[in-house]
C-alpha atoms as a PDB file:
ATOM      1  CA  MET A   1      48.179 -12.812 -99.423  1.00  0.00           C
ATOM      2  CA  PRO A   2      48.595 -16.431 -98.155  1.00  0.00           C
ATOM      3  CA  PHE A   3      46.502 -18.966-100.039  1.00  0.00           C
ATOM      4  CA  MET A   4      44.969 -22.250 -98.601  1.00  0.00           C
ATOM      5  CA  SER A   5      43.199 -24.738-100.640  1.00  0.00           C
ATOM      6  CA  ARG A   6      39.579 -25.307 -99.503  1.00  0.00           C
ATOM      7  CA  GLY A   7      40.446 -28.794 -98.328  1.00  0.00           C
ATOM      8  CA  ASN A   8      43.309 -27.503 -96.086  1.00  0.00           C
ATOM      9  CA  HIS A   9      41.398 -24.582 -94.437  1.00  0.00           C
ATOM     10  CA  LYS A  10      40.671 -24.228 -90.712  1.00  0.00           C
ATOM     11  CA  HIS A  11      37.270 -24.182 -89.616  1.00  0.00           C
ATOM     12  CA  ASP A  12      35.790 -20.839 -88.641  1.00  0.00           C
ATOM     13  CA  CYS A  13      37.763 -19.559 -85.780  1.00  0.00           C
ATOM     14  CA  GLU A  14      36.786 -17.894 -82.431  1.00  0.00           C
ATOM     15  CA  ILE A  15      37.773 -14.273 -81.949  1.00  0.00           C
ATOM     16  CA  GLU A  16      38.457 -12.725 -78.747  1.00  0.00           C
ATOM     17  CA  ALA A  17      35.344 -11.481 -77.113  1.00  0.00           C
ATOM     18  CA  VAL A  18      34.925  -7.775 -77.454  1.00  0.00           C
ATOM     19  CA  ALA A  19      32.103  -5.341 -76.905  1.00  0.00           C
ATOM     20  CA  LEU A  20      30.610  -5.397 -80.502  1.00  0.00           C
ATOM     21  CA  PRO A  21      29.803  -1.760 -80.824  1.00  0.00           C
ATOM     22  CA  SER A  22      33.563  -0.818 -80.147  1.00  0.00           C
ATOM     23  CA  ILE A  23      34.753  -2.824 -83.180  1.00  0.00           C
ATOM     24  CA  VAL A  24      32.911  -0.610 -85.675  1.00  0.00           C
ATOM     25  CA  PRO A  25      35.438   1.779 -87.013  1.00  0.00           C
ATOM     26  CA  ALA A  26      34.771   5.592 -87.234  1.00  0.00           C
ATOM     27  CA  GLY A  27      33.332   6.500 -90.775  1.00  0.00           C
ATOM     28  CA  THR A  28      31.966   2.832 -91.286  1.00  0.00           C
ATOM     29  CA  PRO A  29      28.633   2.979 -93.436  1.00  0.00           C
ATOM     30  CA  ASP A  30      25.517   2.347 -91.242  1.00  0.00           C
ATOM     31  CA  TRP A  31      24.780  -0.878 -92.964  1.00  0.00           C
ATOM     32  CA  ILE A  32      27.900  -2.454 -91.753  1.00  0.00           C
ATOM     33  CA  THR A  33      27.107  -3.732 -88.254  1.00  0.00           C
ATOM     34  CA  ALA A  34      29.288  -4.736 -85.582  1.00  0.00           C
ATOM     35  CA  GLU A  35      27.882  -8.342 -86.073  1.00  0.00           C
ATOM     36  CA  LEU A  36      28.830  -8.295 -89.869  1.00  0.00           C
ATOM     37  CA  ILE A  37      32.385  -7.284 -88.976  1.00  0.00           C
ATOM     38  CA  GLU A  38      32.611  -9.992 -86.266  1.00  0.00           C
ATOM     39  CA  ALA A  39      31.278 -12.515 -88.709  1.00  0.00           C
ATOM     40  CA  THR A  40      33.589 -11.445 -91.333  1.00  0.00           C
ATOM     41  CA  ILE A  41      36.656 -11.691 -89.040  1.00  0.00           C
ATOM     42  CA  ARG A  42      35.605 -15.159 -87.804  1.00  0.00           C
ATOM     43  CA  VAL A  43      35.084 -16.551 -91.319  1.00  0.00           C
ATOM     44  CA  TRP A  44      38.299 -15.232 -93.014  1.00  0.00           C
ATOM     45  CA  GLN A  45      40.748 -15.290 -90.066  1.00  0.00           C
ATOM     46  CA  PRO A  46      41.558 -18.967 -90.691  1.00  0.00           C
ATOM     47  CA  TYR A  47      43.112 -17.741 -94.057  1.00  0.00           C
ATOM     48  CA  TYR A  48      45.517 -15.057 -92.539  1.00  0.00           C
ATOM     49  CA  ALA A  49      48.651 -15.462 -90.385  1.00  0.00           C
ATOM     50  CA  GLU A  50      48.080 -12.196 -88.885  1.00  0.00           C
ATOM     51  CA  LEU A  51      45.027 -11.030 -86.988  1.00  0.00           C
ATOM     52  CA  LEU A  52      42.464  -9.090 -89.057  1.00  0.00           C
ATOM     53  CA  SER A  53      41.489  -5.719 -87.721  1.00  0.00           C
ATOM     54  CA  PRO A  54      38.024  -4.570 -87.814  1.00  0.00           C
ATOM     55  CA  GLU A  55      39.074  -1.972 -90.537  1.00  0.00           C
ATOM     56  CA  GLU A  56      40.358  -4.697 -92.715  1.00  0.00           C
ATOM     57  CA  ALA A  57      37.164  -6.430 -92.260  1.00  0.00           C
ATOM     58  CA  VAL A  58      35.176  -3.202 -93.130  1.00  0.00           C
ATOM     59  CA  THR A  59      37.369  -3.132 -96.280  1.00  0.00           C
ATOM     60  CA  MET A  60      36.812  -6.693 -97.346  1.00  0.00           C
ATOM     61  CA  ILE A  61      32.986  -6.337 -96.732  1.00  0.00           C
ATOM     62  CA  GLN A  62      32.910  -3.246 -99.028  1.00  0.00           C
ATOM     63  CA  SER A  63      35.085  -4.804-101.712  1.00  0.00           C
ATOM     64  CA  VAL A  64      32.753  -7.734-101.843  1.00  0.00           C
ATOM     65  CA  GLY A  65      29.835  -5.390-102.358  1.00  0.00           C
ATOM     66  CA  ARG A  66      31.412  -3.482-105.028  1.00  0.00           C
ATOM     67  CA  LEU A  67      32.325  -6.813-106.769  1.00  0.00           C
ATOM     68  CA  TYR A  68      28.594  -7.954-106.347  1.00  0.00           C
ATOM     69  CA  GLN A  69      27.526  -4.689-107.925  1.00  0.00           C
ATOM     70  CA  ALA A  70      29.684  -5.083-110.804  1.00  0.00           C
ATOM     71  CA  LEU A  71      28.677  -8.686-111.481  1.00  0.00           C
ATOM     72  CA  SER A  72      25.289  -8.033-111.017  1.00  0.00           C
ATOM     73  CA  SER A  73      25.038  -4.825-113.311  1.00  0.00           C
ATOM     74  CA  GLY A  74      25.286  -7.249-116.364  1.00  0.00           C
ATOM     75  CA  SER A  75      27.129  -4.499-118.348  1.00  0.00           C
ATOM     76  CA  PRO A  76      30.628  -5.240-119.710  1.00  0.00           C
ATOM     77  CA  PRO A  77      33.573  -3.448-118.219  1.00  0.00           C
END
């Protein structure tokens, strides 16, 4: 995964306009909305050379959710 220091990152990028409901992959949990997927791609795309897909955005969202759960549980691993 490419890494860019905070000072060198690009600002949030614009993604191609698409009908939001169509970007929600099949099997995505109901709490992950088209708007959340779009925002995730917009924020993280500047850090990746290749275009992020909605599926990749859903994976990122779920991973951050699991990380939050682990950190907030307060129990050691």
